[in-house]
N, C-alpha and C. Protein backbone atom coordinates (compact mmCIF):
# COMPACT_ATOMS: atom_id res chain seq x y z
N MET A 1 0.85 -1.18 0.00
CA MET A 1 0.00 0.00 0.00
C MET A 1 0.89 1.24 0.00
N ALA A 2 0.55 2.18 -0.84
CA ALA A 2 1.32 3.42 -0.93
C ALA A 2 1.14 4.24 0.35
N LYS A 3 2.21 4.90 0.75
CA LYS A 3 2.16 5.78 1.92
C LYS A 3 2.63 7.16 1.47
N PHE A 4 1.80 8.17 1.72
CA PHE A 4 2.10 9.52 1.29
C PHE A 4 2.37 10.39 2.52
N THR A 5 3.54 11.05 2.52
CA THR A 5 3.83 11.94 3.62
C THR A 5 3.47 13.38 3.28
N ARG A 6 3.60 13.74 2.02
CA ARG A 6 3.12 15.05 1.56
C ARG A 6 2.74 14.93 0.10
N ILE A 7 1.86 15.78 -0.33
CA ILE A 7 1.29 15.65 -1.67
C ILE A 7 2.18 16.23 -2.76
N TYR A 8 2.98 17.22 -2.44
CA TYR A 8 3.84 17.80 -3.48
C TYR A 8 5.29 17.38 -3.24
N THR A 9 5.99 17.13 -4.35
CA THR A 9 7.40 16.70 -4.26
C THR A 9 8.34 17.65 -4.98
N ARG A 10 7.82 18.46 -5.87
CA ARG A 10 8.57 19.40 -6.71
C ARG A 10 9.41 18.70 -7.79
N THR A 11 9.41 17.37 -7.82
CA THR A 11 10.23 16.66 -8.81
C THR A 11 9.67 16.79 -10.22
N GLY A 12 8.40 17.12 -10.34
CA GLY A 12 7.79 17.26 -11.67
C GLY A 12 7.83 18.67 -12.21
N ASP A 13 8.48 19.56 -11.49
CA ASP A 13 8.52 20.95 -11.94
C ASP A 13 9.28 21.13 -13.26
N ASP A 14 10.08 20.13 -13.62
CA ASP A 14 10.84 20.22 -14.88
C ASP A 14 10.08 19.63 -16.06
N GLY A 15 8.81 19.22 -15.84
CA GLY A 15 8.00 18.68 -16.93
C GLY A 15 8.14 17.18 -17.10
N THR A 16 8.73 16.51 -16.12
CA THR A 16 8.83 15.06 -16.16
C THR A 16 8.06 14.47 -14.99
N THR A 17 7.78 13.19 -15.08
CA THR A 17 7.12 12.48 -13.98
C THR A 17 7.76 11.12 -13.81
N GLY A 18 7.64 10.58 -12.63
CA GLY A 18 8.25 9.29 -12.32
C GLY A 18 7.28 8.15 -12.56
N LEU A 19 7.79 7.08 -13.15
CA LEU A 19 7.03 5.85 -13.31
C LEU A 19 7.35 4.93 -12.13
N ILE A 20 6.53 3.93 -11.95
CA ILE A 20 6.81 2.92 -10.92
C ILE A 20 8.11 2.23 -11.32
N GLY A 21 9.04 2.19 -10.42
CA GLY A 21 10.36 1.62 -10.72
C GLY A 21 11.44 2.66 -10.86
N GLY A 22 11.04 3.94 -10.90
CA GLY A 22 12.03 5.01 -10.88
C GLY A 22 12.33 5.71 -12.19
N HIS A 23 11.90 5.16 -13.33
CA HIS A 23 12.14 5.84 -14.60
C HIS A 23 11.40 7.18 -14.62
N ARG A 24 11.99 8.18 -15.25
CA ARG A 24 11.33 9.48 -15.42
C ARG A 24 11.10 9.71 -16.91
N ILE A 25 9.90 10.20 -17.24
CA ILE A 25 9.57 10.50 -18.63
C ILE A 25 8.84 11.83 -18.69
N LYS A 26 8.77 12.40 -19.90
CA LYS A 26 8.08 13.67 -20.09
C LYS A 26 6.58 13.51 -19.82
N LYS A 27 6.02 14.53 -19.22
CA LYS A 27 4.58 14.52 -18.94
C LYS A 27 3.76 14.56 -20.22
N SER A 28 4.38 14.92 -21.32
CA SER A 28 3.69 14.97 -22.61
C SER A 28 3.74 13.65 -23.36
N SER A 29 4.30 12.61 -22.75
CA SER A 29 4.47 11.33 -23.46
C SER A 29 3.13 10.62 -23.65
N ALA A 30 3.09 9.71 -24.62
CA ALA A 30 1.88 8.93 -24.90
C ALA A 30 1.49 8.08 -23.69
N ARG A 31 2.45 7.59 -22.94
CA ARG A 31 2.17 6.77 -21.76
C ARG A 31 1.43 7.59 -20.70
N ILE A 32 1.89 8.81 -20.47
CA ILE A 32 1.24 9.65 -19.46
C ILE A 32 -0.15 10.06 -19.94
N ALA A 33 -0.30 10.36 -21.23
CA ALA A 33 -1.62 10.69 -21.78
C ALA A 33 -2.57 9.52 -21.58
N ALA A 34 -2.07 8.30 -21.78
CA ALA A 34 -2.93 7.12 -21.65
C ALA A 34 -3.38 6.92 -20.21
N TYR A 35 -2.43 6.87 -19.27
CA TYR A 35 -2.91 6.59 -17.92
C TYR A 35 -3.51 7.81 -17.25
N GLY A 36 -3.19 9.00 -17.73
CA GLY A 36 -3.89 10.19 -17.25
C GLY A 36 -5.36 10.17 -17.66
N THR A 37 -5.64 9.68 -18.85
CA THR A 37 -7.03 9.60 -19.31
C THR A 37 -7.77 8.48 -18.60
N VAL A 38 -7.07 7.42 -18.24
CA VAL A 38 -7.68 6.37 -17.41
C VAL A 38 -8.10 6.98 -16.06
N ASP A 39 -7.26 7.84 -15.50
CA ASP A 39 -7.58 8.53 -14.25
C ASP A 39 -8.78 9.47 -14.45
N GLU A 40 -8.81 10.18 -15.57
CA GLU A 40 -9.95 11.06 -15.88
C GLU A 40 -11.23 10.24 -15.98
N LEU A 41 -11.15 9.06 -16.58
CA LEU A 41 -12.30 8.18 -16.68
C LEU A 41 -12.80 7.78 -15.30
N SER A 42 -11.90 7.43 -14.41
CA SER A 42 -12.31 7.07 -13.06
C SER A 42 -13.01 8.24 -12.37
N SER A 43 -12.53 9.45 -12.61
CA SER A 43 -13.18 10.63 -12.04
C SER A 43 -14.58 10.83 -12.61
N ALA A 44 -14.74 10.62 -13.91
CA ALA A 44 -16.06 10.74 -14.54
C ALA A 44 -17.01 9.69 -13.97
N ILE A 45 -16.50 8.49 -13.72
CA ILE A 45 -17.31 7.44 -13.10
C ILE A 45 -17.68 7.83 -11.67
N GLY A 46 -16.76 8.48 -10.97
CA GLY A 46 -17.05 8.94 -9.62
C GLY A 46 -18.22 9.91 -9.58
N VAL A 47 -18.29 10.80 -10.57
CA VAL A 47 -19.43 11.73 -10.65
C VAL A 47 -20.71 10.94 -10.92
N ALA A 48 -20.65 9.96 -11.81
CA ALA A 48 -21.83 9.13 -12.10
C ALA A 48 -22.30 8.42 -10.83
N ARG A 49 -21.36 7.91 -10.05
CA ARG A 49 -21.74 7.24 -8.79
C ARG A 49 -22.47 8.21 -7.87
N ALA A 50 -21.98 9.43 -7.78
CA ALA A 50 -22.63 10.41 -6.91
C ALA A 50 -24.04 10.73 -7.40
N LEU A 51 -24.22 10.78 -8.71
CA LEU A 51 -25.53 11.10 -9.28
C LEU A 51 -26.51 9.93 -9.18
N CYS A 52 -25.99 8.72 -9.09
CA CYS A 52 -26.86 7.54 -8.96
C CYS A 52 -27.33 7.34 -7.53
N SER A 53 -26.62 7.88 -6.56
CA SER A 53 -26.98 7.63 -5.17
C SER A 53 -28.30 8.30 -4.83
N GLY A 54 -29.04 7.63 -3.99
CA GLY A 54 -30.29 8.20 -3.53
C GLY A 54 -31.46 8.02 -4.47
N GLY A 55 -31.33 7.17 -5.46
CA GLY A 55 -32.46 7.00 -6.36
C GLY A 55 -32.53 5.61 -6.95
N SER A 56 -33.67 5.26 -7.44
CA SER A 56 -33.98 4.05 -8.20
C SER A 56 -33.72 2.75 -7.44
N GLY A 57 -33.72 2.81 -6.11
CA GLY A 57 -33.69 1.60 -5.29
C GLY A 57 -32.52 0.69 -5.53
N GLY A 58 -32.83 -0.60 -5.67
CA GLY A 58 -31.81 -1.63 -5.78
C GLY A 58 -30.93 -1.51 -7.01
N ARG A 59 -31.48 -0.96 -8.07
CA ARG A 59 -30.70 -0.83 -9.30
C ARG A 59 -29.54 0.14 -9.10
N ALA A 60 -29.77 1.24 -8.39
CA ALA A 60 -28.70 2.21 -8.13
C ALA A 60 -27.60 1.58 -7.28
N ALA A 61 -27.99 0.79 -6.29
CA ALA A 61 -27.00 0.13 -5.43
C ALA A 61 -26.21 -0.90 -6.23
N ALA A 62 -26.88 -1.64 -7.09
CA ALA A 62 -26.18 -2.63 -7.92
C ALA A 62 -25.20 -1.94 -8.86
N LEU A 63 -25.64 -0.85 -9.48
CA LEU A 63 -24.75 -0.13 -10.38
C LEU A 63 -23.57 0.47 -9.63
N ASP A 64 -23.83 1.02 -8.44
CA ASP A 64 -22.74 1.60 -7.66
C ASP A 64 -21.68 0.55 -7.37
N ALA A 65 -22.08 -0.68 -7.06
CA ALA A 65 -21.11 -1.75 -6.80
C ALA A 65 -20.27 -2.03 -8.05
N TRP A 66 -20.91 -2.07 -9.22
CA TRP A 66 -20.17 -2.30 -10.47
C TRP A 66 -19.23 -1.13 -10.77
N LEU A 67 -19.70 0.09 -10.55
CA LEU A 67 -18.85 1.25 -10.84
C LEU A 67 -17.68 1.34 -9.87
N ALA A 68 -17.91 0.99 -8.60
CA ALA A 68 -16.80 0.98 -7.62
C ALA A 68 -15.75 -0.03 -8.05
N TRP A 69 -16.19 -1.20 -8.47
CA TRP A 69 -15.26 -2.23 -8.94
C TRP A 69 -14.53 -1.74 -10.19
N ALA A 70 -15.25 -1.08 -11.11
CA ALA A 70 -14.62 -0.57 -12.33
C ALA A 70 -13.52 0.43 -11.98
N GLN A 71 -13.75 1.28 -10.99
CA GLN A 71 -12.72 2.23 -10.58
C GLN A 71 -11.48 1.50 -10.06
N ASP A 72 -11.68 0.42 -9.32
CA ASP A 72 -10.53 -0.36 -8.85
C ASP A 72 -9.76 -0.97 -10.02
N VAL A 73 -10.48 -1.52 -10.99
CA VAL A 73 -9.81 -2.11 -12.16
C VAL A 73 -9.09 -1.03 -12.96
N LEU A 74 -9.68 0.15 -13.06
CA LEU A 74 -9.01 1.24 -13.76
C LEU A 74 -7.73 1.66 -13.04
N PHE A 75 -7.74 1.61 -11.72
CA PHE A 75 -6.51 1.91 -10.97
C PHE A 75 -5.47 0.83 -11.26
N ASN A 76 -5.90 -0.42 -11.39
CA ASN A 76 -4.98 -1.49 -11.78
C ASN A 76 -4.39 -1.21 -13.16
N ALA A 77 -5.25 -0.78 -14.10
CA ALA A 77 -4.78 -0.46 -15.45
C ALA A 77 -3.76 0.67 -15.41
N GLY A 78 -4.05 1.71 -14.64
CA GLY A 78 -3.12 2.83 -14.52
C GLY A 78 -1.79 2.41 -13.91
N SER A 79 -1.85 1.55 -12.89
CA SER A 79 -0.62 1.04 -12.27
C SER A 79 0.20 0.24 -13.27
N GLN A 80 -0.48 -0.59 -14.03
CA GLN A 80 0.17 -1.41 -15.04
C GLN A 80 0.84 -0.53 -16.10
N LEU A 81 0.15 0.51 -16.53
CA LEU A 81 0.71 1.41 -17.53
C LEU A 81 1.88 2.22 -16.98
N ALA A 82 1.88 2.47 -15.68
CA ALA A 82 2.95 3.26 -15.05
C ALA A 82 4.14 2.42 -14.65
N ALA A 83 4.06 1.12 -14.85
CA ALA A 83 5.16 0.22 -14.46
C ALA A 83 5.70 -0.47 -15.70
N VAL A 84 6.54 0.23 -16.45
CA VAL A 84 7.05 -0.33 -17.70
C VAL A 84 8.04 -1.46 -17.46
N ASP A 85 8.63 -1.51 -16.28
CA ASP A 85 9.53 -2.61 -15.93
C ASP A 85 8.69 -3.77 -15.43
N GLU A 86 8.51 -4.78 -16.27
CA GLU A 86 7.63 -5.89 -15.95
C GLU A 86 8.16 -6.79 -14.85
N LYS A 87 9.38 -6.55 -14.37
CA LYS A 87 9.95 -7.38 -13.31
C LYS A 87 9.59 -6.86 -11.91
N ILE A 88 8.86 -5.75 -11.83
CA ILE A 88 8.47 -5.21 -10.53
C ILE A 88 7.37 -6.11 -9.95
N PRO A 89 7.61 -6.71 -8.79
CA PRO A 89 6.60 -7.61 -8.22
C PRO A 89 5.42 -6.84 -7.63
N GLY A 90 4.27 -7.49 -7.66
CA GLY A 90 3.10 -6.95 -6.98
C GLY A 90 2.30 -5.90 -7.71
N ILE A 91 2.64 -5.62 -8.96
CA ILE A 91 1.87 -4.64 -9.73
C ILE A 91 0.55 -5.30 -10.14
N PRO A 92 -0.59 -4.70 -9.76
CA PRO A 92 -1.88 -5.29 -10.16
C PRO A 92 -2.07 -5.16 -11.66
N ALA A 93 -2.88 -6.04 -12.21
CA ALA A 93 -3.08 -6.05 -13.65
C ALA A 93 -4.55 -6.28 -13.98
N VAL A 94 -4.96 -5.77 -15.13
CA VAL A 94 -6.28 -6.07 -15.67
C VAL A 94 -6.21 -7.47 -16.25
N THR A 95 -7.24 -8.28 -16.00
CA THR A 95 -7.22 -9.69 -16.41
C THR A 95 -8.38 -10.03 -17.32
N GLU A 96 -8.28 -11.18 -17.93
CA GLU A 96 -9.36 -11.74 -18.75
C GLU A 96 -10.63 -11.86 -17.90
N ARG A 97 -10.47 -12.22 -16.64
CA ARG A 97 -11.62 -12.36 -15.74
C ARG A 97 -12.39 -11.04 -15.62
N ASP A 98 -11.68 -9.92 -15.63
CA ASP A 98 -12.33 -8.61 -15.56
C ASP A 98 -13.17 -8.36 -16.81
N VAL A 99 -12.65 -8.73 -17.96
CA VAL A 99 -13.38 -8.56 -19.22
C VAL A 99 -14.65 -9.40 -19.20
N VAL A 100 -14.53 -10.65 -18.77
CA VAL A 100 -15.68 -11.56 -18.74
C VAL A 100 -16.73 -11.06 -17.74
N ALA A 101 -16.29 -10.52 -16.61
CA ALA A 101 -17.23 -9.99 -15.61
C ALA A 101 -18.05 -8.85 -16.22
N LEU A 102 -17.40 -7.98 -17.00
CA LEU A 102 -18.14 -6.88 -17.64
C LEU A 102 -19.16 -7.41 -18.65
N GLU A 103 -18.79 -8.44 -19.38
CA GLU A 103 -19.73 -9.02 -20.34
C GLU A 103 -20.97 -9.55 -19.61
N ARG A 104 -20.75 -10.18 -18.46
CA ARG A 104 -21.87 -10.67 -17.65
C ARG A 104 -22.74 -9.51 -17.18
N ALA A 105 -22.13 -8.41 -16.75
CA ALA A 105 -22.88 -7.25 -16.28
C ALA A 105 -23.69 -6.62 -17.41
N ILE A 106 -23.09 -6.53 -18.59
CA ILE A 106 -23.80 -5.98 -19.75
C ILE A 106 -25.03 -6.81 -20.07
N ASP A 107 -24.84 -8.13 -20.14
CA ASP A 107 -25.96 -9.02 -20.46
C ASP A 107 -27.07 -8.92 -19.43
N SER A 108 -26.70 -8.83 -18.17
CA SER A 108 -27.70 -8.74 -17.10
C SER A 108 -28.51 -7.45 -17.20
N ALA A 109 -27.84 -6.30 -17.35
CA ALA A 109 -28.55 -5.03 -17.44
C ALA A 109 -29.39 -4.97 -18.71
N GLN A 110 -28.85 -5.49 -19.80
CA GLN A 110 -29.57 -5.42 -21.08
C GLN A 110 -30.84 -6.25 -21.05
N SER A 111 -30.86 -7.30 -20.22
CA SER A 111 -32.06 -8.15 -20.15
C SER A 111 -33.24 -7.40 -19.55
N ASP A 112 -32.98 -6.30 -18.83
CA ASP A 112 -34.05 -5.48 -18.25
C ASP A 112 -34.56 -4.40 -19.20
N LEU A 113 -33.95 -4.27 -20.36
CA LEU A 113 -34.25 -3.14 -21.26
C LEU A 113 -34.97 -3.60 -22.51
N PRO A 114 -35.80 -2.71 -23.07
CA PRO A 114 -36.38 -3.02 -24.37
C PRO A 114 -35.29 -2.98 -25.44
N PRO A 115 -35.50 -3.72 -26.53
CA PRO A 115 -34.49 -3.69 -27.60
C PRO A 115 -34.31 -2.27 -28.13
N LEU A 116 -33.11 -1.97 -28.57
CA LEU A 116 -32.80 -0.65 -29.12
C LEU A 116 -32.69 -0.78 -30.63
N ASN A 117 -33.56 -0.08 -31.34
CA ASN A 117 -33.60 -0.17 -32.79
C ASN A 117 -33.13 1.10 -33.48
N ASN A 118 -32.57 2.03 -32.70
CA ASN A 118 -32.14 3.30 -33.26
C ASN A 118 -30.99 3.83 -32.41
N PHE A 119 -30.22 4.75 -32.95
CA PHE A 119 -29.21 5.42 -32.15
C PHE A 119 -29.91 6.35 -31.15
N ILE A 120 -29.26 6.56 -30.02
CA ILE A 120 -29.82 7.48 -29.03
C ILE A 120 -28.83 8.61 -28.75
N HIS A 121 -29.37 9.71 -28.27
CA HIS A 121 -28.54 10.83 -27.85
C HIS A 121 -28.12 10.63 -26.39
N PRO A 122 -26.90 10.99 -26.03
CA PRO A 122 -26.53 10.97 -24.62
C PRO A 122 -27.42 11.92 -23.83
N GLY A 123 -27.82 11.51 -22.66
CA GLY A 123 -28.65 12.38 -21.83
C GLY A 123 -29.69 11.61 -21.07
N GLY A 124 -30.77 12.29 -20.76
CA GLY A 124 -31.83 11.70 -19.94
C GLY A 124 -31.68 12.15 -18.51
N SER A 125 -31.65 11.21 -17.60
CA SER A 125 -31.45 11.54 -16.20
C SER A 125 -30.02 12.04 -15.99
N PRO A 126 -29.76 12.81 -14.92
CA PRO A 126 -28.38 13.26 -14.66
C PRO A 126 -27.40 12.09 -14.57
N ALA A 127 -27.81 11.00 -13.93
CA ALA A 127 -26.92 9.85 -13.80
C ALA A 127 -26.58 9.27 -15.16
N ALA A 128 -27.59 9.10 -16.00
CA ALA A 128 -27.35 8.54 -17.34
C ALA A 128 -26.49 9.47 -18.18
N ALA A 129 -26.76 10.77 -18.09
CA ALA A 129 -25.97 11.73 -18.86
C ALA A 129 -24.49 11.63 -18.47
N GLN A 130 -24.21 11.48 -17.18
CA GLN A 130 -22.82 11.38 -16.74
C GLN A 130 -22.21 10.04 -17.13
N LEU A 131 -23.00 8.99 -17.15
CA LEU A 131 -22.48 7.70 -17.62
C LEU A 131 -22.09 7.80 -19.09
N HIS A 132 -22.84 8.57 -19.88
CA HIS A 132 -22.47 8.79 -21.28
C HIS A 132 -21.16 9.59 -21.38
N VAL A 133 -20.98 10.58 -20.50
CA VAL A 133 -19.72 11.32 -20.48
C VAL A 133 -18.58 10.35 -20.18
N ALA A 134 -18.77 9.51 -19.19
CA ALA A 134 -17.74 8.51 -18.84
C ALA A 134 -17.47 7.59 -20.02
N ARG A 135 -18.52 7.22 -20.74
CA ARG A 135 -18.35 6.34 -21.91
C ARG A 135 -17.44 6.99 -22.96
N THR A 136 -17.62 8.28 -23.21
CA THR A 136 -16.80 8.93 -24.23
C THR A 136 -15.36 9.10 -23.75
N VAL A 137 -15.16 9.33 -22.47
CA VAL A 137 -13.80 9.38 -21.93
C VAL A 137 -13.16 8.00 -22.03
N CYS A 138 -13.96 6.96 -21.78
CA CYS A 138 -13.46 5.58 -21.89
C CYS A 138 -12.98 5.29 -23.30
N ARG A 139 -13.74 5.71 -24.30
CA ARG A 139 -13.33 5.50 -25.69
C ARG A 139 -12.02 6.24 -26.00
N ARG A 140 -11.88 7.44 -25.44
CA ARG A 140 -10.63 8.19 -25.66
C ARG A 140 -9.46 7.47 -25.00
N ALA A 141 -9.66 6.97 -23.79
CA ALA A 141 -8.60 6.23 -23.10
C ALA A 141 -8.20 5.01 -23.93
N GLU A 142 -9.18 4.32 -24.46
CA GLU A 142 -8.91 3.15 -25.30
C GLU A 142 -8.07 3.55 -26.52
N ARG A 143 -8.45 4.63 -27.19
CA ARG A 143 -7.69 5.07 -28.38
C ARG A 143 -6.25 5.43 -28.01
N LEU A 144 -6.08 6.09 -26.87
CA LEU A 144 -4.72 6.49 -26.46
C LEU A 144 -3.86 5.29 -26.10
N ILE A 145 -4.48 4.26 -25.51
CA ILE A 145 -3.70 3.06 -25.19
C ILE A 145 -3.35 2.29 -26.45
N VAL A 146 -4.25 2.26 -27.43
CA VAL A 146 -3.93 1.65 -28.72
C VAL A 146 -2.76 2.40 -29.36
N GLU A 147 -2.80 3.72 -29.31
CA GLU A 147 -1.70 4.53 -29.85
C GLU A 147 -0.39 4.23 -29.12
N LEU A 148 -0.45 4.13 -27.80
CA LEU A 148 0.74 3.79 -27.02
C LEU A 148 1.27 2.42 -27.39
N ARG A 149 0.36 1.45 -27.54
CA ARG A 149 0.77 0.08 -27.89
C ARG A 149 1.56 0.06 -29.20
N ASP A 150 1.21 0.95 -30.12
CA ASP A 150 1.90 0.99 -31.40
C ASP A 150 3.35 1.44 -31.26
N GLU A 151 3.68 2.19 -30.20
CA GLU A 151 5.07 2.62 -30.01
C GLU A 151 5.78 1.87 -28.88
N ASP A 152 5.02 1.37 -27.90
CA ASP A 152 5.63 0.69 -26.75
C ASP A 152 4.53 -0.12 -26.06
N ASP A 153 4.55 -1.43 -26.24
CA ASP A 153 3.44 -2.25 -25.74
C ASP A 153 3.62 -2.73 -24.30
N ARG A 154 4.62 -2.22 -23.60
CA ARG A 154 4.80 -2.64 -22.21
C ARG A 154 3.68 -2.09 -21.33
N GLY A 155 3.16 -2.93 -20.45
CA GLY A 155 2.15 -2.52 -19.50
C GLY A 155 0.75 -2.40 -20.05
N ILE A 156 0.52 -2.91 -21.26
CA ILE A 156 -0.80 -2.80 -21.87
C ILE A 156 -1.72 -3.91 -21.38
N GLY A 157 -1.23 -5.15 -21.43
CA GLY A 157 -2.02 -6.29 -20.96
C GLY A 157 -3.41 -6.33 -21.59
N GLU A 158 -4.41 -6.54 -20.74
CA GLU A 158 -5.80 -6.64 -21.18
C GLU A 158 -6.53 -5.30 -21.13
N SER A 159 -5.80 -4.21 -20.96
CA SER A 159 -6.44 -2.90 -20.78
C SER A 159 -7.31 -2.50 -21.97
N ILE A 160 -6.86 -2.75 -23.18
CA ILE A 160 -7.63 -2.34 -24.35
C ILE A 160 -8.95 -3.10 -24.41
N ARG A 161 -8.89 -4.41 -24.21
CA ARG A 161 -10.13 -5.21 -24.23
C ARG A 161 -11.06 -4.79 -23.11
N TYR A 162 -10.50 -4.51 -21.92
CA TYR A 162 -11.32 -4.10 -20.79
C TYR A 162 -12.02 -2.77 -21.08
N LEU A 163 -11.28 -1.80 -21.59
CA LEU A 163 -11.87 -0.49 -21.88
C LEU A 163 -12.91 -0.58 -22.99
N ASN A 164 -12.67 -1.43 -23.96
CA ASN A 164 -13.65 -1.62 -25.04
C ASN A 164 -14.95 -2.14 -24.45
N ARG A 165 -14.85 -3.12 -23.55
CA ARG A 165 -16.04 -3.67 -22.92
C ARG A 165 -16.66 -2.67 -21.93
N LEU A 166 -15.82 -1.91 -21.20
CA LEU A 166 -16.35 -0.95 -20.24
C LEU A 166 -17.16 0.14 -20.93
N SER A 167 -16.72 0.59 -22.09
CA SER A 167 -17.50 1.62 -22.79
C SER A 167 -18.87 1.08 -23.18
N ASP A 168 -18.92 -0.19 -23.58
CA ASP A 168 -20.23 -0.81 -23.87
C ASP A 168 -21.07 -0.88 -22.60
N ALA A 169 -20.45 -1.25 -21.49
CA ALA A 169 -21.18 -1.34 -20.22
C ALA A 169 -21.72 0.03 -19.81
N LEU A 170 -20.92 1.06 -19.96
CA LEU A 170 -21.37 2.41 -19.58
C LEU A 170 -22.56 2.85 -20.42
N PHE A 171 -22.57 2.47 -21.70
CA PHE A 171 -23.71 2.78 -22.57
C PHE A 171 -24.97 2.07 -22.06
N VAL A 172 -24.84 0.78 -21.80
CA VAL A 172 -26.00 -0.01 -21.34
C VAL A 172 -26.45 0.48 -19.97
N TRP A 173 -25.49 0.77 -19.08
CA TRP A 173 -25.85 1.26 -17.75
C TRP A 173 -26.56 2.62 -17.82
N ALA A 174 -26.19 3.47 -18.78
CA ALA A 174 -26.88 4.75 -18.94
C ALA A 174 -28.34 4.49 -19.30
N ARG A 175 -28.59 3.60 -20.22
CA ARG A 175 -29.97 3.25 -20.57
C ARG A 175 -30.69 2.62 -19.38
N TRP A 176 -29.97 1.78 -18.64
CA TRP A 176 -30.53 1.07 -17.48
C TRP A 176 -30.97 2.06 -16.42
N MET A 177 -30.15 3.11 -16.21
CA MET A 177 -30.51 4.12 -15.21
C MET A 177 -31.65 5.00 -15.71
N ASN A 178 -31.66 5.36 -16.97
CA ASN A 178 -32.80 6.10 -17.49
C ASN A 178 -34.09 5.31 -17.28
N ASP A 179 -34.03 4.02 -17.55
CA ASP A 179 -35.19 3.15 -17.36
C ASP A 179 -35.59 3.13 -15.88
N ALA A 180 -34.62 3.05 -14.99
CA ALA A 180 -34.91 3.02 -13.56
C ALA A 180 -35.53 4.32 -13.07
N PHE A 181 -35.08 5.44 -13.62
CA PHE A 181 -35.61 6.75 -13.22
C PHE A 181 -36.88 7.12 -14.01
N GLY A 182 -37.30 6.25 -14.92
CA GLY A 182 -38.50 6.52 -15.71
C GLY A 182 -38.31 7.60 -16.75
N VAL A 183 -37.09 7.74 -17.25
CA VAL A 183 -36.77 8.75 -18.26
C VAL A 183 -36.50 8.04 -19.59
N ALA A 184 -37.22 8.41 -20.61
CA ALA A 184 -37.06 7.76 -21.92
C ALA A 184 -35.75 8.21 -22.57
N ASP A 185 -35.10 7.26 -23.25
CA ASP A 185 -33.95 7.62 -24.07
C ASP A 185 -34.45 8.46 -25.24
N ARG A 186 -33.68 9.47 -25.62
CA ARG A 186 -34.07 10.32 -26.75
C ARG A 186 -33.45 9.75 -28.02
N LEU A 187 -34.29 9.31 -28.93
CA LEU A 187 -33.83 8.69 -30.16
C LEU A 187 -33.31 9.73 -31.14
N TRP A 188 -32.30 9.35 -31.89
CA TRP A 188 -31.77 10.19 -32.96
C TRP A 188 -32.81 10.31 -34.05
N ASN A 189 -33.04 11.53 -34.50
CA ASN A 189 -33.96 11.78 -35.60
C ASN A 189 -33.15 12.38 -36.76
N PRO A 190 -32.80 11.59 -37.75
CA PRO A 190 -31.97 12.11 -38.83
C PRO A 190 -32.67 13.18 -39.67
N ALA A 191 -33.98 13.28 -39.56
CA ALA A 191 -34.73 14.29 -40.33
C ALA A 191 -35.15 15.45 -39.44
N SER A 192 -34.46 15.64 -38.34
CA SER A 192 -34.83 16.69 -37.37
C SER A 192 -34.82 18.08 -38.02
N ALA A 193 -35.82 18.85 -37.66
CA ALA A 193 -35.92 20.24 -38.15
C ALA A 193 -35.60 21.20 -36.99
N PRO A 194 -35.09 22.37 -37.30
CA PRO A 194 -34.80 23.32 -36.22
C PRO A 194 -36.09 23.79 -35.55
N PRO A 195 -36.00 24.20 -34.28
CA PRO A 195 -37.20 24.72 -33.61
C PRO A 195 -37.71 25.97 -34.30
N GLN A 196 -38.98 26.21 -34.20
CA GLN A 196 -39.61 27.40 -34.82
C GLN A 196 -39.29 28.64 -34.01
């Protein structure tokens, strides 16, 4: 477990940051962009958790448990990305089991929903709207990790597959919460006219 004595170290004032194991790299590197966006995703999920609390009974509690677990797995992904030296013991990793668990969660939530025959706009209840924001951040994190993999595949593991599945889960969970709050998804209307 990490122990922090003070929050600022001044070591990053030169535009570099330390990786697990002691290597220092530029804060503008693809690796930092990737795990920084994973951290941003966890923050977006944290807002969704706050917006889900206090409503929709058991469904909100079930979703909160899944989102709390997702934040833990995202921290594992960030740790893995920050530890380019694969010989460091004890670094948590995203696993195949995590991907399969998300697939199970998607199938379970989707079984409560009517079939979707059209694209929908992000929005609806505040909780669902924030889950859609998290979904788009998740897709960006996935793209950045794919970009990183193309130049340096160390520390990637199952992160790309997990994020791909998580973005799907966030989409389904947004619909699931709209359904729980009694808010209809707004369907895309390709022939939409401007308001009068």
